[in-house]
């Protein structure tokens, strides 16, 4: 379930370029001797378009530490119990039409008839179904920038990556979404299956344009859910800054997090500026 971990907060975005922007930024506190860095990632890319700039590869090898959203991501597996409901079934919250739509998808993608699907997934959390739907539409051969970073560290025999949060805390965020909203997320995805791969390819092409403010703008526009934006973006950013500051006090750290977290008023770059950090783009 390796790719399930890194796709948890994968979103389909489109954005434009700014000459003053970049995916890679130098950050440095006023009393810090060593600079640190933040790189905005696209968690999954297909083999043919995988992007891993030379400057990033060099930084991975030269900084004192590397910090991802989840540390040691390539060895982090989800406890299956965290994907199952302790009681009840989300399937009971579906209308007859919604159930038929979901079971039609399961018959094609999972090769299960309705009875088999209900038997296997009656206790599953909606998040698990959502991830299976998403992954069924993505390219087969995918690469992760986060895993590439950890492979470089392993080659250099350096320490494993640090983490800003845990897989348990990420899953808890999804658990906090009202059940009806989780069901709507699944049904919306099923209704737009034909757009998943198209949007993925467009996001991949536009990712190289590197305007982090536009990335954030399009992310919040795409979601259009104040609760989601608050919990999944703004509050996480604020919590991350509280961890970034002590980590960078006496060492050089490379942080690699989803590009949607960098820009915007409540983005990591602006929050760090408010804490007295200098923030400078590095052209790739």
Protein backbone atom coordinates (compact mmCIF):
# COMPACT_ATOMS: atom_id res chain seq x y z
CA UNK A 1 0.00 0.00 0.00
CA UNK A 2 3.00 2.27 -0.53
CA UNK A 3 1.37 4.50 -3.11
CA UNK A 4 -1.77 4.77 -1.01
CA UNK A 5 0.30 6.63 1.59
CA UNK A 6 1.67 9.22 -0.81
CA UNK A 7 -1.63 9.77 -2.62
CA UNK A 8 -3.65 10.66 0.45
CA UNK A 9 -3.55 14.38 -0.22
CA UNK A 10 -3.12 14.26 -3.98
CA UNK A 11 -5.34 16.84 -5.71
CA UNK A 12 -5.89 17.68 -9.36
CA UNK A 13 -4.83 21.26 -10.02
CA UNK A 14 -4.11 23.60 -12.92
CA UNK A 15 -2.06 26.74 -12.65
CA UNK A 16 -0.01 29.41 -14.49
CA UNK A 17 3.59 30.60 -14.35
CA UNK A 18 5.12 33.55 -12.53
CA UNK A 19 8.69 34.72 -13.21
CA UNK A 20 9.17 35.51 -9.53
CA UNK A 21 8.11 32.07 -8.34
CA UNK A 22 9.60 28.62 -8.04
CA UNK A 23 8.96 25.19 -6.59
CA UNK A 24 12.13 25.52 -4.52
CA UNK A 25 12.65 28.22 -1.87
CA UNK A 26 15.43 29.14 0.52
CA UNK A 27 14.23 30.00 4.03
CA UNK A 28 16.38 31.44 6.81
CA UNK A 29 15.60 32.87 10.23
CA UNK A 30 17.19 36.17 11.25
CA UNK A 31 19.48 34.49 13.80
CA UNK A 32 20.22 31.32 11.86
CA UNK A 33 23.63 30.64 10.36
CA UNK A 34 22.46 27.93 8.00
CA UNK A 35 19.76 28.31 5.35
CA UNK A 36 17.04 25.70 4.92
CA UNK A 37 14.82 24.96 1.92
CA UNK A 38 11.24 24.09 0.95
CA UNK A 39 10.38 22.19 -2.23
CA UNK A 40 6.80 21.90 -3.48
CA UNK A 41 6.09 18.37 -4.65
CA UNK A 42 3.59 16.68 -6.91
CA UNK A 43 3.25 13.44 -4.99
CA UNK A 44 2.85 11.15 -8.00
CA UNK A 45 3.96 11.54 -11.63
CA UNK A 46 4.06 9.05 -14.47
CA UNK A 47 7.42 7.61 -15.53
CA UNK A 48 7.60 9.53 -18.79
CA UNK A 49 7.23 12.95 -17.12
CA UNK A 50 8.83 12.41 -13.73
CA UNK A 51 10.47 15.64 -12.58
CA UNK A 52 13.38 15.68 -10.16
CA UNK A 53 15.65 18.71 -10.77
CA UNK A 54 19.42 18.49 -10.28
CA UNK A 55 19.37 21.27 -7.68
CA UNK A 56 16.95 19.26 -5.59
CA UNK A 57 19.10 16.14 -5.88
CA UNK A 58 22.14 18.14 -4.74
CA UNK A 59 20.30 19.59 -1.75
CA UNK A 60 19.11 16.14 -0.66
CA UNK A 61 22.75 15.10 -0.49
CA UNK A 62 24.13 18.22 1.21
CA UNK A 63 21.59 19.37 3.83
CA UNK A 64 21.80 18.13 7.40
CA UNK A 65 18.30 16.64 7.35
CA UNK A 66 15.30 16.08 5.05
CA UNK A 67 11.71 16.39 6.24
CA UNK A 68 8.62 15.18 4.36
CA UNK A 69 4.94 15.33 5.23
CA UNK A 70 5.31 11.74 6.47
CA UNK A 71 8.78 10.57 7.46
CA UNK A 72 10.27 7.35 6.05
CA UNK A 73 7.37 7.25 3.60
CA UNK A 74 8.59 4.29 1.53
CA UNK A 75 8.47 2.05 4.60
CA UNK A 76 5.26 3.46 6.03
CA UNK A 77 2.30 1.13 5.65
CA UNK A 78 -1.23 1.86 6.73
CA UNK A 79 -2.61 -0.28 9.52
CA UNK A 80 -5.59 -1.96 7.80
CA UNK A 81 -7.68 -1.42 10.95
CA UNK A 82 -7.47 2.36 10.34
CA UNK A 83 -9.31 1.89 7.06
CA UNK A 84 -12.22 0.01 8.62
CA UNK A 85 -15.21 1.26 10.58
CA UNK A 86 -15.55 0.01 14.14
CA UNK A 87 -19.30 -0.18 13.75
CA UNK A 88 -21.94 0.33 11.10
CA UNK A 89 -21.45 0.57 7.33
CA UNK A 90 -21.22 3.61 5.09
CA UNK A 91 -22.99 1.57 2.39
CA UNK A 92 -26.22 1.98 4.33
CA UNK A 93 -25.97 5.72 3.74
CA UNK A 94 -26.17 5.28 -0.04
CA UNK A 95 -29.35 5.62 -2.04
CA UNK A 96 -30.32 2.74 -4.32
CA UNK A 97 -29.02 4.68 -7.32
CA UNK A 98 -25.73 5.48 -5.57
CA UNK A 99 -25.27 1.83 -4.61
CA UNK A 100 -25.93 0.71 -8.18
CA UNK A 101 -23.38 3.22 -9.47
CA UNK A 102 -20.74 2.07 -6.99
CA UNK A 103 -21.39 -1.61 -7.64
CA UNK A 104 -21.21 -1.08 -11.40
CA UNK A 105 -17.74 0.42 -10.91
CA UNK A 106 -16.72 -2.47 -8.62
CA UNK A 107 -17.84 -5.03 -11.19
CA UNK A 108 -15.56 -3.49 -13.82
CA UNK A 109 -12.56 -2.50 -11.72
CA UNK A 110 -12.61 -5.04 -8.88
CA UNK A 111 -14.28 -7.91 -10.74
CA UNK A 112 -16.81 -8.26 -7.91
CA UNK A 113 -20.54 -8.61 -8.19
CA UNK A 114 -22.78 -6.66 -5.81
CA UNK A 115 -22.89 -9.39 -3.19
CA UNK A 116 -19.11 -9.82 -3.20
CA UNK A 117 -18.50 -6.08 -3.01
CA UNK A 118 -20.82 -5.64 -0.04
CA UNK A 119 -19.25 -8.62 1.71
CA UNK A 120 -15.72 -7.26 1.24
CA UNK A 121 -16.32 -3.54 1.80
CA UNK A 122 -19.30 -3.19 4.11
CA UNK A 123 -16.97 -2.19 6.96
CA UNK A 124 -14.59 -0.09 4.85
CA UNK A 125 -14.27 3.62 5.47
CA UNK A 126 -15.34 5.79 2.52
CA UNK A 127 -11.75 6.99 2.21
CA UNK A 128 -10.59 3.50 1.20
CA UNK A 129 -13.19 3.30 -1.57
CA UNK A 130 -12.28 6.80 -2.73
CA UNK A 131 -8.59 5.87 -2.99
CA UNK A 132 -9.36 2.70 -4.94
CA UNK A 133 -11.48 4.67 -7.41
CA UNK A 134 -8.77 7.29 -7.86
CA UNK A 135 -5.96 4.79 -8.32
CA UNK A 136 -7.95 2.76 -10.86
CA UNK A 137 -7.91 5.75 -13.22
CA UNK A 138 -4.27 6.80 -12.85
CA UNK A 139 -1.38 5.57 -15.03
CA UNK A 140 -0.01 2.17 -14.05
CA UNK A 141 3.64 3.23 -13.81
CA UNK A 142 4.03 6.07 -11.33
CA UNK A 143 6.94 7.57 -9.44
CA UNK A 144 7.05 9.56 -6.21
CA UNK A 145 9.38 12.48 -5.57
CA UNK A 146 9.28 11.69 -1.87
CA UNK A 147 10.37 8.09 -2.41
CA UNK A 148 13.09 9.27 -4.82
CA UNK A 149 14.40 11.55 -2.07
CA UNK A 150 14.56 8.65 0.36
CA UNK A 151 16.31 6.44 -2.20
CA UNK A 152 19.01 9.09 -2.61
CA UNK A 153 19.45 9.29 1.16
CA UNK A 154 19.77 5.51 1.32
CA UNK A 155 22.43 5.55 -1.39
CA UNK A 156 24.37 8.22 0.52
CA UNK A 157 23.88 6.19 3.72
CA UNK A 158 22.29 9.23 5.38
CA UNK A 159 19.56 9.17 8.03
CA UNK A 160 15.92 8.47 7.15
CA UNK A 161 13.61 11.40 6.51
CA UNK A 162 11.83 13.26 9.29
CA UNK A 163 8.06 13.82 9.20
CA UNK A 164 5.83 16.82 9.87
CA UNK A 165 2.92 14.52 10.70
CA UNK A 166 1.91 10.86 10.74
CA UNK A 167 -0.28 8.68 8.57
CA UNK A 168 -2.59 8.32 11.56
CA UNK A 169 -3.07 12.09 11.84
CA UNK A 170 -3.75 12.37 8.10
CA UNK A 171 -6.39 9.65 8.20
CA UNK A 172 -7.95 11.31 11.23
CA UNK A 173 -8.55 14.40 9.10
CA UNK A 174 -10.63 12.38 6.66
CA UNK A 175 -12.48 10.76 9.55
CA UNK A 176 -13.48 14.25 10.72
CA UNK A 177 -15.37 14.95 7.48
CA UNK A 178 -19.15 14.44 7.88
CA UNK A 179 -20.26 11.05 6.53
CA UNK A 180 -22.55 12.59 3.92
CA UNK A 181 -19.65 14.65 2.57
CA UNK A 182 -17.48 11.55 2.31
CA UNK A 183 -20.19 9.77 0.34
CA UNK A 184 -20.59 12.80 -1.93
CA UNK A 185 -16.84 12.77 -2.55
CA UNK A 186 -17.07 9.18 -3.79
CA UNK A 187 -20.09 9.79 -5.98
CA UNK A 188 -18.57 12.92 -7.50
CA UNK A 189 -15.44 10.96 -8.38
CA UNK A 190 -17.50 8.20 -10.01
CA UNK A 191 -19.48 10.75 -12.00
CA UNK A 192 -16.28 12.29 -13.35
CA UNK A 193 -14.14 9.21 -14.00
CA UNK A 194 -13.48 10.26 -17.59
CA UNK A 195 -11.85 13.45 -16.32
CA UNK A 196 -9.46 11.87 -13.82
CA UNK A 197 -6.69 10.90 -16.23
CA UNK A 198 -7.15 14.06 -18.31
CA UNK A 199 -6.82 16.24 -15.23
CA UNK A 200 -3.84 14.25 -14.01
CA UNK A 201 -2.00 14.80 -17.29
CA UNK A 202 -2.87 18.50 -17.32
CA UNK A 203 -1.65 18.91 -13.76
CA UNK A 204 1.56 17.13 -14.63
CA UNK A 205 2.20 19.41 -17.60
CA UNK A 206 1.40 22.57 -15.65
CA UNK A 207 3.41 21.57 -12.60
CA UNK A 208 6.60 22.76 -14.27
CA UNK A 209 5.18 26.29 -14.50
CA UNK A 210 5.94 26.60 -10.78
CA UNK A 211 3.68 29.47 -9.65
CA UNK A 212 3.00 28.40 -6.05
CA UNK A 213 0.49 31.19 -5.39
CA UNK A 214 -1.57 30.13 -8.39
CA UNK A 215 -1.26 26.49 -7.35
CA UNK A 216 -2.78 27.36 -3.99
CA UNK A 217 -5.47 29.52 -5.59
CA UNK A 218 -6.56 26.75 -7.95
CA UNK A 219 -6.45 24.16 -5.15
CA UNK A 220 -8.86 26.09 -2.94
CA UNK A 221 -11.05 26.93 -5.94
CA UNK A 222 -11.23 23.27 -6.96
CA UNK A 223 -12.22 22.10 -3.50
CA UNK A 224 -14.78 24.85 -2.80
CA UNK A 225 -15.28 23.61 0.74
CA UNK A 226 -14.38 26.04 3.57
CA UNK A 227 -14.15 23.22 6.11
CA UNK A 228 -11.82 21.18 3.91
CA UNK A 229 -9.60 24.18 3.13
CA UNK A 230 -9.40 25.10 6.80
CA UNK A 231 -8.63 21.61 8.11
CA UNK A 232 -6.56 20.18 5.26
CA UNK A 233 -4.58 23.27 4.28
CA UNK A 234 -4.61 26.26 6.65
CA UNK A 235 -4.53 24.44 9.99
CA UNK A 236 -1.94 21.94 8.77
CA UNK A 237 0.26 24.78 7.49
CA UNK A 238 0.10 26.54 10.85
CA UNK A 239 0.99 23.32 12.66
CA UNK A 240 3.87 22.63 10.27
CA UNK A 241 5.43 26.08 10.78
CA UNK A 242 5.55 25.42 14.52
CA UNK A 243 7.61 22.31 13.73
CA UNK A 244 9.72 23.90 10.99
CA UNK A 245 11.03 26.68 13.21
CA UNK A 246 12.83 24.54 15.83
CA UNK A 247 14.02 22.07 13.17
CA UNK A 248 15.83 24.87 11.30
CA UNK A 249 17.30 26.56 14.38
CA UNK A 250 20.73 24.89 14.24
CA UNK A 251 20.78 22.87 11.03
CA UNK A 252 20.04 23.03 7.32
CA UNK A 253 16.84 21.16 6.47
CA UNK A 254 15.14 20.43 3.15
CA UNK A 255 11.35 20.27 3.51
CA UNK A 256 9.42 18.59 0.69
CA UNK A 257 5.64 19.03 0.91
CA UNK A 258 2.73 19.30 -1.51
CA UNK A 259 3.09 22.41 -3.68
CA UNK A 260 -0.42 23.56 -2.74
CA UNK A 261 0.80 24.28 0.79
CA UNK A 262 3.41 26.87 -0.22
CA UNK A 263 1.42 29.80 -1.62
CA UNK A 264 -1.45 31.95 -0.40
CA UNK A 265 -1.99 34.18 2.62
CA UNK A 266 -1.95 31.19 4.96
CA UNK A 267 0.67 29.27 2.98
CA UNK A 268 3.98 28.13 4.44
CA UNK A 269 6.03 30.82 2.70
CA UNK A 270 3.90 33.70 3.99
CA UNK A 271 3.62 32.21 7.47
CA UNK A 272 7.40 31.91 7.66
CA UNK A 273 7.79 35.52 6.50
CA UNK A 274 5.50 36.55 9.34
CA UNK A 275 7.86 34.76 11.73
CA UNK A 276 10.81 36.82 10.49
CA UNK A 277 12.23 34.35 7.96
CA UNK A 278 13.74 35.52 4.69
CA UNK A 279 12.10 33.62 1.84
CA UNK A 280 13.82 33.51 -1.56
CA UNK A 281 12.91 31.57 -4.72
CA UNK A 282 15.58 29.37 -6.30
CA UNK A 283 15.27 28.99 -10.05
CA UNK A 284 15.32 25.39 -11.28
